Structure formats: C-alpha cells, structure tokens
N, C-alpha and C. Protein backbone atom coordinates (compact mmCIF):
# COMPACT_ATOMS: atom_id res chain seq x y z
N MET A 1 -27.11 -43.49 -169.18
CA MET A 1 -27.33 -44.55 -169.98
C MET A 1 -26.45 -44.52 -171.31
N ASP A 2 -25.54 -43.57 -171.11
CA ASP A 2 -24.84 -43.64 -172.48
C ASP A 2 -23.88 -44.72 -171.70
N LYS A 3 -23.28 -44.91 -170.79
CA LYS A 3 -22.64 -45.75 -170.36
C LYS A 3 -22.98 -47.18 -170.32
N PHE A 4 -24.32 -47.38 -170.38
CA PHE A 4 -24.88 -48.79 -170.57
C PHE A 4 -24.94 -48.94 -171.84
N LEU A 5 -25.18 -48.02 -172.80
CA LEU A 5 -25.05 -48.17 -174.01
C LEU A 5 -24.01 -48.94 -174.80
N GLN A 6 -22.90 -48.18 -174.13
CA GLN A 6 -21.68 -48.35 -174.91
C GLN A 6 -21.15 -49.57 -173.89
N GLN A 7 -21.76 -50.27 -172.70
CA GLN A 7 -21.34 -51.07 -172.61
C GLN A 7 -22.45 -52.62 -173.21
N TYR A 8 -23.32 -52.48 -173.68
CA TYR A 8 -23.79 -53.08 -174.42
C TYR A 8 -24.76 -52.62 -176.13
N PRO A 9 -23.72 -52.94 -176.75
CA PRO A 9 -24.03 -52.29 -178.18
C PRO A 9 -24.99 -52.85 -178.81
N ILE A 10 -25.16 -54.55 -178.56
CA ILE A 10 -26.87 -54.46 -179.14
C ILE A 10 -28.04 -54.80 -177.90
N ASN A 11 -28.81 -53.65 -178.14
CA ASN A 11 -29.89 -53.48 -176.96
C ASN A 11 -30.61 -53.21 -177.98
N THR A 12 -32.02 -53.56 -177.02
CA THR A 12 -33.08 -53.64 -178.05
C THR A 12 -34.43 -52.95 -176.71
N ALA A 13 -35.00 -51.65 -177.30
CA ALA A 13 -36.18 -50.97 -176.64
C ALA A 13 -37.08 -51.52 -176.68
N ILE A 14 -37.75 -52.03 -175.89
CA ILE A 14 -39.10 -52.04 -175.06
C ILE A 14 -39.87 -51.29 -173.95
N ASN A 15 -41.16 -51.22 -174.81
CA ASN A 15 -42.11 -50.22 -174.32
C ASN A 15 -43.01 -51.02 -173.38
N VAL A 16 -43.32 -50.91 -171.95
CA VAL A 16 -43.52 -51.23 -171.25
C VAL A 16 -45.63 -51.28 -171.56
N ALA A 17 -46.07 -52.51 -171.45
CA ALA A 17 -47.95 -52.13 -171.93
C ALA A 17 -48.52 -51.96 -170.73
N TRP A 18 -49.41 -51.22 -170.74
CA TRP A 18 -50.32 -51.11 -169.71
C TRP A 18 -50.58 -52.54 -169.10
N GLY A 19 -50.84 -53.85 -169.74
CA GLY A 19 -51.60 -55.01 -169.79
C GLY A 19 -50.52 -55.88 -169.48
N GLU A 20 -49.38 -55.37 -169.23
CA GLU A 20 -48.00 -56.39 -168.28
C GLU A 20 -47.98 -56.06 -166.81
N MET A 21 -48.41 -55.13 -166.61
CA MET A 21 -48.71 -54.98 -164.86
C MET A 21 -49.61 -56.07 -164.66
N ASP A 22 -49.47 -56.44 -163.14
CA ASP A 22 -50.15 -57.68 -162.45
C ASP A 22 -50.95 -56.47 -161.46
N ALA A 23 -51.53 -57.26 -160.54
CA ALA A 23 -52.21 -56.91 -159.22
C ALA A 23 -51.95 -55.99 -158.38
N LEU A 24 -50.42 -56.34 -158.21
CA LEU A 24 -49.72 -55.66 -157.49
C LEU A 24 -49.02 -54.19 -158.17
N GLN A 25 -49.52 -53.72 -159.46
CA GLN A 25 -49.13 -52.59 -159.96
C GLN A 25 -47.58 -52.27 -160.50
N HIS A 26 -47.17 -53.72 -160.74
CA HIS A 26 -46.02 -53.71 -161.52
C HIS A 26 -45.53 -54.67 -162.55
N VAL A 27 -44.71 -54.38 -163.63
CA VAL A 27 -44.69 -55.67 -164.25
C VAL A 27 -44.62 -56.97 -164.00
N ASN A 28 -45.53 -57.76 -164.69
CA ASN A 28 -45.51 -59.41 -163.80
C ASN A 28 -43.99 -59.99 -164.16
N ASN A 29 -43.56 -60.65 -163.43
CA ASN A 29 -42.40 -61.44 -163.29
C ASN A 29 -41.89 -62.18 -164.78
N VAL A 30 -43.28 -62.69 -165.27
CA VAL A 30 -43.24 -63.66 -166.45
C VAL A 30 -42.82 -62.96 -167.43
N VAL A 31 -43.55 -61.60 -167.40
CA VAL A 31 -43.37 -60.68 -168.77
C VAL A 31 -41.84 -60.46 -169.11
N TYR A 32 -40.72 -60.67 -168.02
CA TYR A 32 -39.46 -60.01 -168.05
C TYR A 32 -38.47 -61.38 -169.17
N PHE A 33 -39.44 -63.07 -169.31
CA PHE A 33 -38.91 -64.03 -170.10
C PHE A 33 -39.20 -63.04 -171.35
N ARG A 34 -40.32 -62.49 -171.58
CA ARG A 34 -40.61 -62.43 -173.47
C ARG A 34 -39.74 -61.44 -173.47
N TYR A 35 -39.08 -60.36 -172.98
CA TYR A 35 -38.37 -59.25 -173.11
C TYR A 35 -37.12 -59.90 -173.41
N PHE A 36 -36.74 -60.81 -172.83
CA PHE A 36 -35.41 -61.61 -172.75
C PHE A 36 -35.47 -61.97 -174.02
N GLU A 37 -36.63 -62.69 -175.00
CA GLU A 37 -36.61 -63.35 -175.80
C GLU A 37 -36.86 -62.41 -177.08
N THR A 38 -36.93 -61.15 -176.93
CA THR A 38 -37.51 -59.99 -177.71
C THR A 38 -35.90 -59.54 -177.96
N ALA A 39 -35.17 -59.54 -177.05
CA ALA A 39 -33.82 -59.11 -176.93
C ALA A 39 -33.01 -60.44 -177.51
N ARG A 40 -33.47 -61.33 -177.22
CA ARG A 40 -32.32 -62.51 -177.92
C ARG A 40 -32.59 -62.30 -179.53
N ILE A 41 -34.17 -62.57 -179.73
CA ILE A 41 -34.24 -62.70 -181.00
C ILE A 41 -33.59 -61.44 -182.10
N ASP A 42 -33.84 -60.21 -181.43
CA ASP A 42 -33.27 -58.97 -181.76
C ASP A 42 -31.29 -59.35 -182.45
N PHE A 43 -30.83 -59.75 -181.13
CA PHE A 43 -29.56 -60.45 -181.39
C PHE A 43 -29.25 -61.04 -182.62
N PHE A 44 -29.97 -62.27 -182.37
CA PHE A 44 -29.88 -63.37 -183.39
C PHE A 44 -30.11 -62.87 -184.72
N ASN A 45 -30.99 -62.43 -184.98
CA ASN A 45 -31.01 -61.25 -186.07
C ASN A 45 -29.93 -60.42 -186.67
N GLN A 46 -29.09 -60.04 -185.43
CA GLN A 46 -27.95 -58.96 -186.06
C GLN A 46 -26.92 -59.36 -186.15
N ILE A 47 -26.78 -60.93 -185.55
CA ILE A 47 -25.43 -61.55 -186.31
C ILE A 47 -26.05 -62.80 -187.20
N ASN A 48 -27.17 -62.50 -187.76
CA ASN A 48 -27.08 -63.56 -188.75
C ASN A 48 -27.98 -64.92 -188.26
N LEU A 49 -27.76 -65.02 -187.35
CA LEU A 49 -28.13 -66.53 -186.77
C LEU A 49 -29.27 -67.07 -187.38
N LEU A 50 -30.72 -66.27 -187.08
CA LEU A 50 -31.60 -67.25 -188.04
C LEU A 50 -31.75 -67.12 -189.30
N GLU A 51 -30.89 -66.48 -190.00
CA GLU A 51 -30.62 -66.29 -191.37
C GLU A 51 -30.05 -68.00 -191.76
N ASP A 52 -29.04 -68.05 -190.71
CA ASP A 52 -28.55 -69.51 -191.27
C ASP A 52 -29.59 -70.67 -190.58
N LEU A 53 -30.39 -70.78 -189.73
CA LEU A 53 -31.09 -71.37 -189.32
C LEU A 53 -31.98 -72.16 -190.80
N GLN A 54 -32.61 -71.06 -191.85
CA GLN A 54 -33.38 -71.48 -192.86
C GLN A 54 -32.37 -71.98 -193.84
N LYS A 55 -31.29 -72.10 -193.46
CA LYS A 55 -30.23 -72.79 -194.68
C LYS A 55 -29.98 -74.18 -194.17
N THR A 56 -29.35 -74.07 -193.15
CA THR A 56 -28.53 -75.58 -192.08
C THR A 56 -30.04 -76.27 -191.64
N SER A 57 -30.56 -75.62 -191.10
CA SER A 57 -31.89 -76.18 -190.02
C SER A 57 -31.05 -76.61 -188.91
N ILE A 58 -29.95 -75.34 -188.54
CA ILE A 58 -29.29 -75.33 -187.27
C ILE A 58 -29.32 -74.74 -186.75
N GLY A 59 -29.49 -74.13 -185.30
CA GLY A 59 -30.26 -73.11 -184.62
C GLY A 59 -30.39 -73.20 -183.29
N PRO A 60 -30.77 -72.04 -182.51
CA PRO A 60 -30.57 -72.30 -181.25
C PRO A 60 -31.68 -72.56 -180.40
N VAL A 61 -32.09 -73.45 -179.22
CA VAL A 61 -32.85 -73.74 -178.48
C VAL A 61 -32.54 -73.32 -177.06
N ILE A 62 -33.20 -73.53 -176.08
CA ILE A 62 -33.10 -72.78 -174.64
C ILE A 62 -33.22 -73.76 -173.84
N SER A 63 -31.91 -73.93 -173.02
CA SER A 63 -31.95 -75.40 -172.03
C SER A 63 -32.29 -74.72 -170.38
N GLU A 64 -32.18 -73.16 -170.44
CA GLU A 64 -32.11 -72.43 -169.10
C GLU A 64 -32.64 -70.87 -169.12
N ASN A 65 -33.28 -71.06 -168.37
CA ASN A 65 -33.91 -69.38 -168.52
C ASN A 65 -33.62 -69.00 -166.89
N GLN A 66 -32.93 -67.67 -166.31
CA GLN A 66 -33.22 -67.12 -165.26
C GLN A 66 -33.09 -65.53 -164.74
N ALA A 67 -33.62 -64.99 -164.02
CA ALA A 67 -33.75 -63.51 -163.93
C ALA A 67 -33.81 -63.48 -162.50
N ARG A 68 -33.42 -61.91 -162.43
CA ARG A 68 -33.11 -61.79 -161.18
C ARG A 68 -34.11 -60.17 -160.85
N TYR A 69 -34.81 -60.05 -159.86
CA TYR A 69 -35.76 -58.83 -160.01
C TYR A 69 -34.99 -57.78 -158.60
N LYS A 70 -34.56 -56.83 -159.46
CA LYS A 70 -33.70 -55.84 -158.30
C LYS A 70 -34.69 -54.48 -158.34
N ARG A 71 -35.62 -54.47 -159.17
CA ARG A 71 -36.51 -53.15 -158.75
C ARG A 71 -37.66 -53.29 -160.10
N PRO A 72 -39.08 -52.75 -159.16
CA PRO A 72 -40.23 -52.92 -160.00
C PRO A 72 -40.32 -51.88 -160.72
N VAL A 73 -41.04 -52.60 -162.01
CA VAL A 73 -41.28 -51.52 -162.89
C VAL A 73 -42.56 -51.23 -163.55
N THR A 74 -43.05 -50.01 -163.73
CA THR A 74 -44.20 -49.94 -163.90
C THR A 74 -44.34 -49.01 -165.65
N PHE A 75 -46.08 -49.21 -165.83
CA PHE A 75 -45.88 -48.06 -166.89
C PHE A 75 -46.46 -46.93 -166.59
N PRO A 76 -45.90 -45.74 -167.57
CA PRO A 76 -45.56 -46.07 -168.55
C PRO A 76 -43.78 -45.73 -168.83
N ASP A 77 -42.91 -46.94 -169.19
CA ASP A 77 -41.60 -46.72 -169.14
C ASP A 77 -41.47 -47.50 -170.47
N THR A 78 -40.18 -47.19 -170.74
CA THR A 78 -39.34 -48.00 -172.22
C THR A 78 -37.78 -48.46 -171.04
N LEU A 79 -37.81 -49.65 -171.41
CA LEU A 79 -36.63 -50.33 -171.35
C LEU A 79 -35.56 -50.31 -172.19
N ILE A 80 -34.70 -50.59 -171.86
CA ILE A 80 -33.53 -50.99 -173.04
C ILE A 80 -32.81 -52.15 -172.39
N VAL A 81 -33.09 -53.12 -172.97
CA VAL A 81 -32.45 -54.71 -172.90
C VAL A 81 -31.20 -54.97 -173.46
N GLY A 82 -30.02 -54.64 -172.82
CA GLY A 82 -28.68 -55.11 -173.27
C GLY A 82 -28.19 -56.45 -172.93
N VAL A 83 -27.46 -56.95 -174.24
CA VAL A 83 -27.49 -58.32 -174.46
C VAL A 83 -25.49 -58.36 -174.49
N SER A 84 -25.30 -59.46 -173.94
CA SER A 84 -23.82 -59.77 -173.83
C SER A 84 -23.65 -61.31 -173.49
N ILE A 85 -22.38 -61.80 -173.76
CA ILE A 85 -22.46 -63.56 -174.25
C ILE A 85 -20.83 -63.64 -173.45
N SER A 86 -21.36 -65.19 -172.61
CA SER A 86 -20.12 -65.51 -171.66
C SER A 86 -20.21 -67.24 -172.21
N ASN A 87 -19.28 -67.77 -171.58
CA ASN A 87 -19.21 -69.31 -171.38
C ASN A 87 -19.42 -70.52 -172.56
N ILE A 88 -18.39 -69.38 -173.60
CA ILE A 88 -18.85 -70.13 -174.75
C ILE A 88 -18.16 -70.96 -174.74
N LYS A 89 -18.87 -72.39 -175.56
CA LYS A 89 -18.52 -74.03 -175.65
C LYS A 89 -18.65 -74.20 -176.80
N ASP A 90 -18.04 -75.69 -177.14
CA ASP A 90 -18.53 -76.12 -178.51
C ASP A 90 -19.72 -76.08 -178.88
N ASN A 91 -20.97 -75.91 -178.42
CA ASN A 91 -22.10 -76.16 -178.56
C ASN A 91 -23.07 -75.31 -178.08
N ARG A 92 -22.69 -74.20 -177.11
CA ARG A 92 -23.26 -73.62 -176.56
C ARG A 92 -22.81 -72.37 -176.10
N PHE A 93 -23.64 -71.64 -175.33
CA PHE A 93 -23.21 -70.51 -174.44
C PHE A 93 -24.33 -69.88 -173.69
N MET A 94 -23.90 -69.00 -173.13
CA MET A 94 -24.53 -68.07 -172.15
C MET A 94 -25.02 -66.44 -172.60
N MET A 95 -26.51 -66.10 -172.75
CA MET A 95 -26.53 -64.94 -172.74
C MET A 95 -27.15 -64.28 -171.55
N HIS A 96 -26.53 -62.97 -171.51
CA HIS A 96 -26.99 -62.32 -170.51
C HIS A 96 -27.79 -61.08 -170.82
N TYR A 97 -29.08 -60.70 -169.75
CA TYR A 97 -29.89 -59.68 -170.05
C TYR A 97 -29.47 -58.38 -169.08
N HIS A 98 -29.48 -57.55 -169.39
CA HIS A 98 -29.25 -56.38 -168.19
C HIS A 98 -30.63 -55.40 -169.01
N VAL A 99 -31.62 -55.23 -167.96
CA VAL A 99 -32.84 -54.22 -168.24
C VAL A 99 -32.47 -53.06 -167.90
N PHE A 100 -32.46 -51.83 -168.90
CA PHE A 100 -32.08 -50.60 -167.92
C PHE A 100 -33.80 -49.76 -168.65
N SER A 101 -34.29 -49.53 -167.02
CA SER A 101 -35.29 -48.31 -167.11
C SER A 101 -35.23 -46.95 -167.61
N GLN A 102 -35.74 -46.54 -168.40
CA GLN A 102 -35.55 -45.26 -168.60
C GLN A 102 -36.31 -44.23 -167.90
N SER A 103 -37.14 -44.47 -167.34
CA SER A 103 -38.09 -43.76 -166.26
C SER A 103 -37.10 -43.64 -164.74
N GLN A 104 -36.52 -44.70 -164.35
CA GLN A 104 -35.72 -44.51 -163.46
C GLN A 104 -34.15 -44.61 -163.05
N GLN A 105 -33.61 -44.30 -164.78
CA GLN A 105 -32.21 -44.73 -164.97
C GLN A 105 -31.42 -45.47 -164.31
N ALA A 106 -31.90 -46.57 -164.33
CA ALA A 106 -31.32 -47.79 -163.49
C ALA A 106 -31.54 -48.95 -163.85
N VAL A 107 -30.76 -50.21 -163.72
CA VAL A 107 -30.96 -51.45 -164.18
C VAL A 107 -31.81 -52.31 -163.14
N THR A 108 -32.77 -52.56 -163.55
CA THR A 108 -34.31 -52.95 -162.75
C THR A 108 -34.25 -54.75 -162.72
N THR A 109 -33.44 -55.61 -163.96
CA THR A 109 -33.30 -56.74 -163.72
C THR A 109 -32.58 -57.26 -164.53
N ILE A 110 -31.94 -58.24 -164.28
CA ILE A 110 -30.85 -59.08 -164.72
C ILE A 110 -31.14 -60.59 -165.17
N GLY A 111 -30.85 -61.10 -166.21
CA GLY A 111 -31.12 -62.49 -166.51
C GLY A 111 -29.90 -62.92 -167.29
N ALA A 112 -30.32 -64.89 -167.58
CA ALA A 112 -29.29 -64.95 -168.31
C ALA A 112 -30.32 -66.36 -169.28
N SER A 113 -29.51 -66.81 -170.08
CA SER A 113 -30.38 -67.83 -170.69
C SER A 113 -28.91 -68.81 -171.04
N GLN A 114 -29.20 -69.98 -171.00
CA GLN A 114 -28.47 -71.09 -171.67
C GLN A 114 -28.60 -71.44 -173.21
N VAL A 115 -27.97 -71.03 -174.61
CA VAL A 115 -28.53 -71.50 -175.38
C VAL A 115 -27.54 -72.56 -176.03
N VAL A 116 -28.07 -73.49 -176.22
CA VAL A 116 -27.67 -74.38 -177.44
C VAL A 116 -27.96 -75.30 -178.55
N MET A 117 -27.13 -74.89 -179.01
CA MET A 117 -27.28 -74.97 -180.69
C MET A 117 -27.77 -76.44 -180.87
N PHE A 118 -28.96 -76.87 -182.14
CA PHE A 118 -29.15 -77.79 -182.43
C PHE A 118 -29.41 -78.23 -183.82
N ASN A 119 -29.75 -79.38 -183.93
CA ASN A 119 -29.78 -79.46 -185.41
C ASN A 119 -31.25 -80.60 -185.89
N PHE A 120 -31.98 -79.62 -186.04
CA PHE A 120 -33.53 -79.83 -186.03
C PHE A 120 -33.65 -80.84 -187.01
N LYS A 121 -32.96 -80.98 -187.79
CA LYS A 121 -33.29 -82.53 -188.74
C LYS A 121 -32.79 -83.63 -188.35
N THR A 122 -31.70 -84.01 -187.65
CA THR A 122 -31.16 -84.69 -186.49
C THR A 122 -31.78 -84.99 -185.39
N GLY A 123 -32.35 -83.98 -184.84
CA GLY A 123 -32.28 -84.15 -183.33
C GLY A 123 -31.08 -84.01 -182.51
N GLN A 124 -29.92 -83.87 -182.72
CA GLN A 124 -29.01 -83.58 -182.11
C GLN A 124 -28.04 -82.31 -181.81
N LYS A 125 -27.61 -82.11 -180.94
CA LYS A 125 -26.80 -80.98 -180.50
C LYS A 125 -26.23 -80.61 -181.88
N ALA A 126 -25.53 -79.50 -182.15
CA ALA A 126 -24.24 -79.26 -182.98
C ALA A 126 -23.40 -77.96 -182.35
N THR A 127 -22.43 -77.99 -183.29
CA THR A 127 -21.25 -77.35 -182.81
C THR A 127 -21.39 -75.81 -183.46
N LEU A 128 -21.13 -74.93 -182.65
CA LEU A 128 -21.18 -73.49 -183.49
C LEU A 128 -20.12 -73.69 -184.58
N THR A 129 -20.86 -72.55 -185.55
CA THR A 129 -19.78 -72.62 -186.71
C THR A 129 -18.84 -71.63 -186.63
N PRO A 130 -17.86 -71.66 -187.17
CA PRO A 130 -16.45 -70.41 -186.96
C PRO A 130 -17.60 -69.05 -187.08
N GLN A 131 -18.31 -68.83 -188.08
CA GLN A 131 -18.71 -67.46 -188.61
C GLN A 131 -19.60 -67.11 -186.66
N LEU A 132 -20.38 -68.02 -186.68
CA LEU A 132 -21.34 -67.66 -185.08
C LEU A 132 -20.44 -67.55 -184.09
N LEU A 133 -19.18 -68.41 -183.65
CA LEU A 133 -17.84 -68.27 -182.96
C LEU A 133 -17.56 -66.39 -182.88
N ASP A 134 -17.19 -66.40 -184.48
CA ASP A 134 -16.81 -64.93 -183.92
C ASP A 134 -17.44 -64.00 -183.35
N ALA A 135 -19.05 -64.31 -184.31
CA ALA A 135 -20.09 -63.02 -183.76
C ALA A 135 -20.25 -63.33 -182.07
N LEU A 136 -20.29 -64.20 -181.58
CA LEU A 136 -20.12 -64.28 -180.25
C LEU A 136 -19.29 -63.68 -179.38
N LYS A 137 -17.69 -64.28 -179.63
CA LYS A 137 -16.82 -63.61 -179.24
C LYS A 137 -16.87 -61.97 -179.25
N THR A 138 -17.63 -61.15 -180.35
CA THR A 138 -17.44 -60.00 -180.51
C THR A 138 -17.91 -59.46 -178.92
N TYR A 139 -19.06 -60.30 -179.19
CA TYR A 139 -19.76 -59.38 -177.80
C TYR A 139 -19.37 -60.07 -176.15
N GLN A 140 -18.62 -60.94 -176.11
CA GLN A 140 -18.11 -61.94 -174.68
C GLN A 140 -17.91 -60.77 -173.83
N GLN A 141 -17.92 -61.39 -172.67
CA GLN A 141 -17.80 -60.65 -171.73
C GLN A 141 -17.72 -61.77 -170.34
N ALA A 142 -16.47 -61.12 -169.82
CA ALA A 142 -15.94 -61.96 -168.60
C ALA A 142 -16.90 -62.08 -167.57
C-alpha cells in the first residue's frame, strides 16, 4: 500500500457501506462512479478549483466517464482512490482513478473522467487558468 500512496499523493479513503452491495453480494458497478466523484471533488478542493468556481463561474464538467472492474469488492472494506491527471489540453484534461482495497491489498477498479472547463455565465467552454494548469501538471502521469 505504501507504493500506492507514493504513486497517488492525492487520494481519498472511502468506507464501503453495506447498502452499496447488490444481489450478487459485491459493490454494485454504479457505486464506483460515486467513489470517483468523491475522489474528484476531494482533488478539486485540494487544488482550490472549487474555490475559483465561486469567484469566476468557471468550473469543471464531466463529458465522459469510464470504469474497468478488475476484482469484486465487498463489505466491510476501506478503499483508497488515487487520482492522477493526463492529456492536458487548452480546456480539458483526463482524470484517472485507481481504487485500492485495503482488505485485498490490491487495485480492484480503474477509471477515468474527461473533465472540461466550462463558463457557467456564458455557457461556453473555458480555458485552463495558469494556476490550474500548474496544479494539474503536478499530478500528471504519462
């Protein structure tokens, strides 16, 4: 797990809830998108992106989500969702999620989201600010 935490310095711990399991007795596939959202918002808070949204009305929207399920997860467990960044463009970037199970000591799920910056006042895409670009590059992986 130490290697995982070094690789993903921004990470979010999530306790698996009993009610997140489905009839097949593992975490339902839809729940992982909520885990990704929790990690994404945590990441955005840590780089002050949501604070900027309040000031500028420019913020992130998700244009695409994907997940690959490698191993089933069951209750009880604590998951660590590590976040990294790639494919930084003028107005968008990819966020990658790696979900590590403390019970299994393994990565159980990987996912990604295409994040597009959006001006909520004009209804148009917006370019990344220099501050956001610097923050994203800090967590960029090839």
